Amino acid sequence: MSKKNILFFIIMVLILSIGVMCFVGCGKESSESNNKKEYSVDAEALASEIVSKVKFASEMSKVESEVLDLFFIIEEGVTGVSYKAGGSLADEITIFTAPNKITAKKMLESVNSYIDERKELFAGYAPAEVTKLEKAVAVQKGKYVVFCVTDNIDEAKTIIDNAF
Protein backbone atom coordinates (compact mmCIF):
# COMPACT_ATOMS: atom_id res chain seq x y z
CA MET A 1 0.00 0.00 0.00
CA SER A 2 1.17 3.46 -0.69
CA LYS A 3 1.73 6.06 1.98
CA LYS A 4 -1.20 8.03 0.60
CA ASN A 5 -3.56 5.06 1.06
CA ILE A 6 -2.27 4.35 4.58
CA LEU A 7 -2.74 8.00 5.59
CA PHE A 8 -6.27 7.99 4.10
CA PHE A 9 -7.08 4.76 5.99
CA ILE A 10 -5.83 6.18 9.34
CA ILE A 11 -7.81 9.40 8.89
CA MET A 12 -10.99 7.45 8.08
CA VAL A 13 -10.56 5.22 11.15
CA LEU A 14 -10.08 8.30 13.36
CA ILE A 15 -13.16 10.02 11.94
CA LEU A 16 -15.22 6.88 12.35
CA SER A 17 -13.96 6.42 15.95
CA ILE A 18 -14.78 10.02 16.88
CA GLY A 19 -18.26 9.65 15.38
CA VAL A 20 -18.94 6.46 17.33
CA MET A 21 -17.72 8.04 20.59
CA CYS A 22 -19.95 11.08 20.07
CA PHE A 23 -22.95 8.89 19.29
CA VAL A 24 -22.44 6.67 22.34
CA GLY A 25 -21.70 9.65 24.60
CA CYS A 26 -24.86 11.50 23.57
CA GLY A 27 -27.07 8.50 24.17
CA LYS A 28 -25.65 7.92 27.62
CA GLU A 29 -26.03 11.55 28.62
CA SER A 30 -29.71 11.73 27.71
CA SER A 31 -30.62 8.51 29.53
CA GLU A 32 -28.79 9.67 32.65
CA SER A 33 -30.57 13.02 32.61
CA ASN A 34 -33.95 11.23 32.47
CA ASN A 35 -33.04 9.16 35.55
CA LYS A 36 -31.96 12.24 37.49
CA LYS A 37 -35.28 14.11 37.39
CA GLU A 38 -35.60 16.00 40.64
CA TYR A 39 -38.84 17.23 42.16
CA SER A 40 -39.24 20.15 44.50
CA VAL A 41 -42.50 20.12 46.43
CA ASP A 42 -43.64 21.83 49.60
CA ALA A 43 -45.07 18.79 51.39
CA GLU A 44 -46.97 20.86 53.94
CA ALA A 45 -48.61 22.97 51.24
CA LEU A 46 -49.50 19.91 49.15
CA ALA A 47 -51.07 18.14 52.13
CA SER A 48 -53.04 21.28 53.02
CA GLU A 49 -54.24 21.64 49.44
CA ILE A 50 -55.46 18.04 49.37
CA VAL A 51 -57.22 18.44 52.72
CA SER A 52 -58.96 21.63 51.56
CA LYS A 53 -59.92 20.50 48.04
CA VAL A 54 -60.72 16.79 48.42
CA LYS A 55 -63.80 15.56 50.26
CA PHE A 56 -62.90 13.23 53.09
CA ALA A 57 -65.34 11.17 55.21
CA SER A 58 -64.92 13.50 58.19
CA GLU A 59 -62.91 16.46 59.36
CA MET A 60 -59.19 15.89 58.97
CA SER A 61 -56.88 16.60 61.90
CA LYS A 62 -53.18 17.25 61.61
CA VAL A 63 -51.00 14.57 63.16
CA GLU A 64 -47.93 15.78 65.01
CA SER A 65 -44.79 14.67 63.17
CA GLU A 66 -43.43 13.09 66.37
CA VAL A 67 -46.39 10.70 66.39
CA LEU A 68 -45.83 9.38 62.86
CA ASP A 69 -43.27 6.85 64.06
CA LEU A 70 -46.11 5.08 65.91
CA PHE A 71 -47.61 4.22 62.52
CA PHE A 72 -44.64 4.02 60.16
CA ILE A 73 -41.02 2.91 60.28
CA ILE A 74 -39.40 6.31 59.78
CA GLU A 75 -35.96 6.21 58.19
CA GLU A 76 -33.23 8.59 59.36
CA GLY A 77 -33.49 12.08 57.85
CA VAL A 78 -37.14 11.68 56.80
CA THR A 79 -39.73 14.30 57.66
CA GLY A 80 -43.46 13.87 57.35
CA VAL A 81 -46.74 15.71 57.36
CA SER A 82 -50.00 13.90 57.96
CA TYR A 83 -53.72 14.50 58.36
CA LYS A 84 -56.12 11.78 59.53
CA ALA A 85 -59.86 11.44 59.92
CA GLY A 86 -61.25 10.77 63.35
CA GLY A 87 -63.11 7.76 64.58
CA SER A 88 -63.04 4.46 62.77
CA LEU A 89 -62.22 5.91 59.35
CA ALA A 90 -59.22 5.15 57.17
CA ASP A 91 -59.15 8.58 55.46
CA GLU A 92 -55.66 10.01 55.53
CA ILE A 93 -53.09 12.07 53.66
CA THR A 94 -49.43 11.60 54.56
CA ILE A 95 -46.42 12.96 52.71
CA PHE A 96 -42.84 12.01 53.53
CA THR A 97 -39.78 13.91 52.38
CA ALA A 98 -36.63 11.78 52.40
CA PRO A 99 -33.03 12.90 51.97
CA ASN A 100 -32.72 10.81 48.78
CA LYS A 101 -34.53 8.41 46.45
CA ILE A 102 -33.15 5.29 48.12
CA THR A 103 -34.52 6.33 51.50
CA ALA A 104 -37.82 7.32 49.87
CA LYS A 105 -38.10 3.82 48.43
CA LYS A 106 -37.74 2.40 51.96
CA MET A 107 -40.45 4.78 53.13
CA LEU A 108 -42.76 3.58 50.35
CA GLU A 109 -42.21 0.03 51.60
CA SER A 110 -43.12 1.21 55.11
CA VAL A 111 -46.29 2.85 53.76
CA ASN A 112 -47.28 -0.32 51.91
CA SER A 113 -46.81 -2.36 55.10
CA TYR A 114 -48.93 0.18 56.97
CA ILE A 115 -51.69 -0.15 54.35
CA ASP A 116 -51.66 -3.95 54.75
CA GLU A 117 -51.87 -3.62 58.55
CA ARG A 118 -54.76 -1.16 58.27
CA LYS A 119 -56.66 -3.50 55.92
CA GLU A 120 -56.38 -6.31 58.49
CA LEU A 121 -57.44 -3.97 61.29
CA PHE A 122 -60.53 -2.68 59.46
CA ALA A 123 -61.54 -6.04 57.95
CA GLY A 124 -63.27 -7.16 61.14
CA TYR A 125 -65.43 -4.12 61.79
CA ALA A 126 -65.39 -1.65 58.89
CA PRO A 127 -65.17 -3.42 55.51
CA ALA A 128 -65.97 -0.19 53.61
CA GLU A 129 -62.71 1.22 54.91
CA VAL A 130 -60.84 -1.79 53.50
CA THR A 131 -62.19 -0.93 50.07
CA LYS A 132 -60.84 2.62 50.46
CA LEU A 133 -57.45 1.27 51.49
CA GLU A 134 -57.35 -1.01 48.44
CA LYS A 135 -57.83 2.05 46.21
CA ALA A 136 -55.37 4.22 48.15
CA VAL A 137 -52.62 6.17 46.44
CA ALA A 138 -49.12 5.25 47.62
CA VAL A 139 -46.53 6.66 45.27
CA GLN A 140 -42.87 7.67 45.28
CA LYS A 141 -41.86 10.74 43.30
CA GLY A 142 -38.12 11.23 43.61
CA LYS A 143 -37.41 11.80 47.29
CA TYR A 144 -41.12 12.18 48.17
CA VAL A 145 -43.67 9.55 49.17
CA VAL A 146 -47.34 10.48 49.04
CA PHE A 147 -50.03 8.34 50.63
CA CYS A 148 -53.73 9.17 50.47
CA VAL A 149 -56.93 7.33 51.42
CA THR A 150 -60.34 8.74 50.55
CA ASP A 151 -63.53 7.83 48.73
CA ASN A 152 -62.65 10.64 46.31
CA ILE A 153 -59.27 9.21 45.35
CA ASP A 154 -59.43 10.47 41.75
CA GLU A 155 -59.57 14.08 42.99
CA ALA A 156 -56.57 13.43 45.21
CA LYS A 157 -54.63 11.75 42.38
CA THR A 158 -55.19 14.77 40.14
CA ILE A 159 -53.79 17.16 42.75
CA ILE A 160 -50.84 14.86 43.43
CA ASP A 161 -50.07 14.42 39.73
CA ASN A 162 -50.24 18.18 39.16
CA ALA A 163 -47.81 18.79 42.04
CA PHE A 164 -45.21 16.59 40.37
C-alpha atoms as a PDB file:
ATOM      1  CA  MET A   1       0.000   0.000   0.000  1.00  0.00           C
ATOM      2  CA  SER A   2       1.173   3.461  -0.694  1.00  0.00           C
ATOM      3  CA  LYS A   3       1.727   6.065   1.984  1.00  0.00           C
ATOM      4  CA  LYS A   4      -1.196   8.032   0.602  1.00  0.00           C
ATOM      5  CA  ASN A   5      -3.561   5.062   1.060  1.00  0.00           C
ATOM      6  CA  ILE A   6      -2.267   4.346   4.578  1.00  0.00           C
ATOM      7  CA  LEU A   7      -2.739   7.997   5.593  1.00  0.00           C
ATOM      8  CA  PHE A   8      -6.270   7.990   4.102  1.00  0.00           C
ATOM      9  CA  PHE A   9      -7.084   4.759   5.993  1.00  0.00           C
ATOM     10  CA  ILE A  10      -5.835   6.183   9.342  1.00  0.00           C
ATOM     11  CA  ILE A  11      -7.812   9.404   8.887  1.00  0.00           C
ATOM     12  CA  MET A  12     -10.987   7.448   8.079  1.00  0.00           C
ATOM     13  CA  VAL A  13     -10.557   5.218  11.148  1.00  0.00           C
ATOM     14  CA  LEU A  14     -10.076   8.300  13.359  1.00  0.00           C
ATOM     15  CA  ILE A  15     -13.159  10.023  11.936  1.00  0.00           C
ATOM     16  CA  LEU A  16     -15.223   6.882  12.355  1.00  0.00           C
ATOM     17  CA  SER A  17     -13.962   6.423  15.948  1.00  0.00           C
ATOM     18  CA  ILE A  18     -14.782  10.017  16.876  1.00  0.00           C
ATOM     19  CA  GLY A  19     -18.255   9.648  15.383  1.00  0.00           C
ATOM     20  CA  VAL A  20     -18.940   6.462  17.328  1.00  0.00           C
ATOM     21  CA  MET A  21     -17.716   8.036  20.594  1.00  0.00           C
ATOM     22  CA  CYS A  22     -19.947  11.076  20.069  1.00  0.00           C
ATOM     23  CA  PHE A  23     -22.945   8.892  19.292  1.00  0.00           C
ATOM     24  CA  VAL A  24     -22.438   6.667  22.337  1.00  0.00           C
ATOM     25  CA  GLY A  25     -21.698   9.648  24.596  1.00  0.00           C
ATOM     26  CA  CYS A  26     -24.858  11.497  23.569  1.00  0.00           C
ATOM     27  CA  GLY A  27     -27.074   8.502  24.166  1.00  0.00           C
ATOM     28  CA  LYS A  28     -25.649   7.920  27.618  1.00  0.00           C
ATOM     29  CA  GLU A  29     -26.031  11.545  28.616  1.00  0.00           C
ATOM     30  CA  SER A  30     -29.707  11.734  27.712  1.00  0.00           C
ATOM     31  CA  SER A  31     -30.620   8.512  29.526  1.00  0.00           C
ATOM     32  CA  GLU A  32     -28.790   9.672  32.647  1.00  0.00           C
ATOM     33  CA  SER A  33     -30.568  13.021  32.613  1.00  0.00           C
ATOM     34  CA  ASN A  34     -33.949  11.233  32.467  1.00  0.00           C
ATOM     35  CA  ASN A  35     -33.042   9.162  35.550  1.00  0.00           C
ATOM     36  CA  LYS A  36     -31.957  12.236  37.490  1.00  0.00           C
ATOM     37  CA  LYS A  37     -35.281  14.115  37.390  1.00  0.00           C
ATOM     38  CA  GLU A  38     -35.598  15.996  40.640  1.00  0.00           C
ATOM     39  CA  TYR A  39     -38.839  17.234  42.164  1.00  0.00           C
ATOM     40  CA  SER A  40     -39.244  20.151  44.502  1.00  0.00           C
ATOM     41  CA  VAL A  41     -42.500  20.119  46.429  1.00  0.00           C
ATOM     42  CA  ASP A  42     -43.643  21.832  49.601  1.00  0.00           C
ATOM     43  CA  ALA A  43     -45.069  18.785  51.389  1.00  0.00           C
ATOM     44  CA  GLU A  44     -46.970  20.861  53.945  1.00  0.00           C
ATOM     45  CA  ALA A  45     -48.612  22.972  51.236  1.00  0.00           C
ATOM     46  CA  LEU A  46     -49.498  19.910  49.149  1.00  0.00           C
ATOM     47  CA  ALA A  47     -51.066  18.136  52.131  1.00  0.00           C
ATOM     48  CA  SER A  48     -53.036  21.277  53.018  1.00  0.00           C
ATOM     49  CA  GLU A  49     -54.237  21.636  49.438  1.00  0.00           C
ATOM     50  CA  ILE A  50     -55.459  18.040  49.365  1.00  0.00           C
ATOM     51  CA  VAL A  51     -57.224  18.437  52.715  1.00  0.00           C
ATOM     52  CA  SER A  52     -58.961  21.633  51.563  1.00  0.00           C
ATOM     53  CA  LYS A  53     -59.924  20.500  48.036  1.00  0.00           C
ATOM     54  CA  VAL A  54     -60.717  16.787  48.416  1.00  0.00           C
ATOM     55  CA  LYS A  55     -63.803  15.563  50.257  1.00  0.00           C
ATOM     56  CA  PHE A  56     -62.898  13.227  53.089  1.00  0.00           C
ATOM     57  CA  ALA A  57     -65.337  11.170  55.210  1.00  0.00           C
ATOM     58  CA  SER A  58     -64.917  13.497  58.190  1.00  0.00           C
ATOM     59  CA  GLU A  59     -62.913  16.462  59.360  1.00  0.00           C
ATOM     60  CA  MET A  60     -59.190  15.887  58.970  1.00  0.00           C
ATOM     61  CA  SER A  61     -56.876  16.605  61.897  1.00  0.00           C
ATOM     62  CA  LYS A  62     -53.182  17.251  61.607  1.00  0.00           C
ATOM     63  CA  VAL A  63     -50.998  14.572  63.162  1.00  0.00           C
ATOM     64  CA  GLU A  64     -47.932  15.783  65.010  1.00  0.00           C
ATOM     65  CA  SER A  65     -44.788  14.670  63.174  1.00  0.00           C
ATOM     66  CA  GLU A  66     -43.425  13.093  66.369  1.00  0.00           C
ATOM     67  CA  VAL A  67     -46.387  10.700  66.394  1.00  0.00           C
ATOM     68  CA  LEU A  68     -45.833   9.381  62.864  1.00  0.00           C
ATOM     69  CA  ASP A  69     -43.273   6.851  64.064  1.00  0.00           C
ATOM     70  CA  LEU A  70     -46.106   5.078  65.908  1.00  0.00           C
ATOM     71  CA  PHE A  71     -47.614   4.217  62.520  1.00  0.00           C
ATOM     72  CA  PHE A  72     -44.636   4.019  60.162  1.00  0.00           C
ATOM     73  CA  ILE A  73     -41.022   2.909  60.282  1.00  0.00           C
ATOM     74  CA  ILE A  74     -39.401   6.309  59.782  1.00  0.00           C
ATOM     75  CA  GLU A  75     -35.960   6.209  58.195  1.00  0.00           C
ATOM     76  CA  GLU A  76     -33.231   8.590  59.357  1.00  0.00           C
ATOM     77  CA  GLY A  77     -33.489  12.079  57.854  1.00  0.00           C
ATOM     78  CA  VAL A  78     -37.136  11.685  56.797  1.00  0.00           C
ATOM     79  CA  THR A  79     -39.731  14.303  57.658  1.00  0.00           C
ATOM     80  CA  GLY A  80     -43.461  13.865  57.347  1.00  0.00           C
ATOM     81  CA  VAL A  81     -46.737  15.715  57.363  1.00  0.00           C
ATOM     82  CA  SER A  82     -49.996  13.905  57.965  1.00  0.00           C
ATOM     83  CA  TYR A  83     -53.723  14.497  58.364  1.00  0.00           C
ATOM     84  CA  LYS A  84     -56.119  11.782  59.527  1.00  0.00           C
ATOM     85  CA  ALA A  85     -59.860  11.437  59.919  1.00  0.00           C
ATOM     86  CA  GLY A  86     -61.252  10.772  63.351  1.00  0.00           C
ATOM     87  CA  GLY A  87     -63.110   7.758  64.580  1.00  0.00           C
ATOM     88  CA  SER A  88     -63.041   4.459  62.766  1.00  0.00           C
ATOM     89  CA  LEU A  89     -62.221   5.909  59.347  1.00  0.00           C
ATOM     90  CA  ALA A  90     -59.217   5.149  57.169  1.00  0.00           C
ATOM     91  CA  ASP A  91     -59.154   8.577  55.456  1.00  0.00           C
ATOM     92  CA  GLU A  92     -55.663  10.010  55.534  1.00  0.00           C
ATOM     93  CA  ILE A  93     -53.093  12.070  53.662  1.00  0.00           C
ATOM     94  CA  THR A  94     -49.426  11.596  54.561  1.00  0.00           C
ATOM     95  CA  ILE A  95     -46.418  12.959  52.710  1.00  0.00           C
ATOM     96  CA  PHE A  96     -42.840  12.014  53.529  1.00  0.00           C
ATOM     97  CA  THR A  97     -39.775  13.910  52.379  1.00  0.00           C
ATOM     98  CA  ALA A  98     -36.630  11.776  52.398  1.00  0.00           C
ATOM     99  CA  PRO A  99     -33.026  12.897  51.966  1.00  0.00           C
ATOM    100  CA  ASN A 100     -32.716  10.813  48.777  1.00  0.00           C
ATOM    101  CA  LYS A 101     -34.532   8.408  46.448  1.00  0.00           C
ATOM    102  CA  ILE A 102     -33.154   5.286  48.118  1.00  0.00           C
ATOM    103  CA  THR A 103     -34.521   6.326  51.504  1.00  0.00           C
ATOM    104  CA  ALA A 104     -37.817   7.324  49.872  1.00  0.00           C
ATOM    105  CA  LYS A 105     -38.099   3.818  48.432  1.00  0.00           C
ATOM    106  CA  LYS A 106     -37.737   2.398  51.962  1.00  0.00           C
ATOM    107  CA  MET A 107     -40.453   4.779  53.132  1.00  0.00           C
ATOM    108  CA  LEU A 108     -42.760   3.580  50.351  1.00  0.00           C
ATOM    109  CA  GLU A 109     -42.213   0.030  51.599  1.00  0.00           C
ATOM    110  CA  SER A 110     -43.125   1.206  55.111  1.00  0.00           C
ATOM    111  CA  VAL A 111     -46.293   2.851  53.761  1.00  0.00           C
ATOM    112  CA  ASN A 112     -47.275  -0.320  51.907  1.00  0.00           C
ATOM    113  CA  SER A 113     -46.812  -2.358  55.102  1.00  0.00           C
ATOM    114  CA  TYR A 114     -48.929   0.183  56.972  1.00  0.00           C
ATOM    115  CA  ILE A 115     -51.690  -0.153  54.347  1.00  0.00           C
ATOM    116  CA  ASP A 116     -51.658  -3.950  54.754  1.00  0.00           C
ATOM    117  CA  GLU A 117     -51.869  -3.624  58.550  1.00  0.00           C
ATOM    118  CA  ARG A 118     -54.759  -1.158  58.269  1.00  0.00           C
ATOM    119  CA  LYS A 119     -56.656  -3.504  55.924  1.00  0.00           C
ATOM    120  CA  GLU A 120     -56.380  -6.312  58.488  1.00  0.00           C
ATOM    121  CA  LEU A 121     -57.440  -3.975  61.286  1.00  0.00           C
ATOM    122  CA  PHE A 122     -60.532  -2.680  59.456  1.00  0.00           C
ATOM    123  CA  ALA A 123     -61.538  -6.045  57.952  1.00  0.00           C
ATOM    124  CA  GLY A 124     -63.268  -7.161  61.138  1.00  0.00           C
ATOM    125  CA  TYR A 125     -65.427  -4.123  61.793  1.00  0.00           C
ATOM    126  CA  ALA A 126     -65.390  -1.647  58.888  1.00  0.00           C
ATOM    127  CA  PRO A 127     -65.171  -3.415  55.506  1.00  0.00           C
ATOM    128  CA  ALA A 128     -65.967  -0.194  53.611  1.00  0.00           C
ATOM    129  CA  GLU A 129     -62.709   1.222  54.915  1.00  0.00           C
ATOM    130  CA  VAL A 130     -60.836  -1.794  53.504  1.00  0.00           C
ATOM    131  CA  THR A 131     -62.193  -0.926  50.065  1.00  0.00           C
ATOM    132  CA  LYS A 132     -60.835   2.622  50.456  1.00  0.00           C
ATOM    133  CA  LEU A 133     -57.449   1.266  51.492  1.00  0.00           C
ATOM    134  CA  GLU A 134     -57.348  -1.013  48.441  1.00  0.00           C
ATOM    135  CA  LYS A 135     -57.832   2.050  46.210  1.00  0.00           C
ATOM    136  CA  ALA A 136     -55.371   4.217  48.150  1.00  0.00           C
ATOM    137  CA  VAL A 137     -52.624   6.173  46.443  1.00  0.00           C
ATOM    138  CA  ALA A 138     -49.125   5.251  47.617  1.00  0.00           C
ATOM    139  CA  VAL A 139     -46.531   6.659  45.269  1.00  0.00           C
ATOM    140  CA  GLN A 140     -42.873   7.669  45.276  1.00  0.00           C
ATOM    141  CA  LYS A 141     -41.861  10.742  43.297  1.00  0.00           C
ATOM    142  CA  GLY A 142     -38.119  11.234  43.614  1.00  0.00           C
ATOM    143  CA  LYS A 143     -37.405  11.797  47.290  1.00  0.00           C
ATOM    144  CA  TYR A 144     -41.116  12.175  48.166  1.00  0.00           C
ATOM    145  CA  VAL A 145     -43.667   9.548  49.169  1.00  0.00           C
ATOM    146  CA  VAL A 146     -47.337  10.478  49.038  1.00  0.00           C
ATOM    147  CA  PHE A 147     -50.025   8.340  50.630  1.00  0.00           C
ATOM    148  CA  CYS A 148     -53.725   9.174  50.465  1.00  0.00           C
ATOM    149  CA  VAL A 149     -56.927   7.334  51.417  1.00  0.00           C
ATOM    150  CA  THR A 150     -60.341   8.744  50.552  1.00  0.00           C
ATOM    151  CA  ASP A 151     -63.533   7.830  48.729  1.00  0.00           C
ATOM    152  CA  ASN A 152     -62.646  10.643  46.314  1.00  0.00           C
ATOM    153  CA  ILE A 153     -59.268   9.207  45.345  1.00  0.00           C
ATOM    154  CA  ASP A 154     -59.433  10.475  41.748  1.00  0.00           C
ATOM    155  CA  GLU A 155     -59.569  14.078  42.993  1.00  0.00           C
ATOM    156  CA  ALA A 156     -56.570  13.427  45.213  1.00  0.00           C
ATOM    157  CA  LYS A 157     -54.631  11.752  42.384  1.00  0.00           C
ATOM    158  CA  THR A 158     -55.194  14.767  40.142  1.00  0.00           C
ATOM    159  CA  ILE A 159     -53.793  17.157  42.749  1.00  0.00           C
ATOM    160  CA  ILE A 160     -50.836  14.859  43.433  1.00  0.00           C
ATOM    161  CA  ASP A 161     -50.068  14.422  39.727  1.00  0.00           C
ATOM    162  CA  ASN A 162     -50.236  18.182  39.159  1.00  0.00           C
ATOM    163  CA  ALA A 163     -47.806  18.788  42.037  1.00  0.00           C
ATOM    164  CA  PHE A 164     -45.205  16.587  40.372  1.00  0.00           C
END
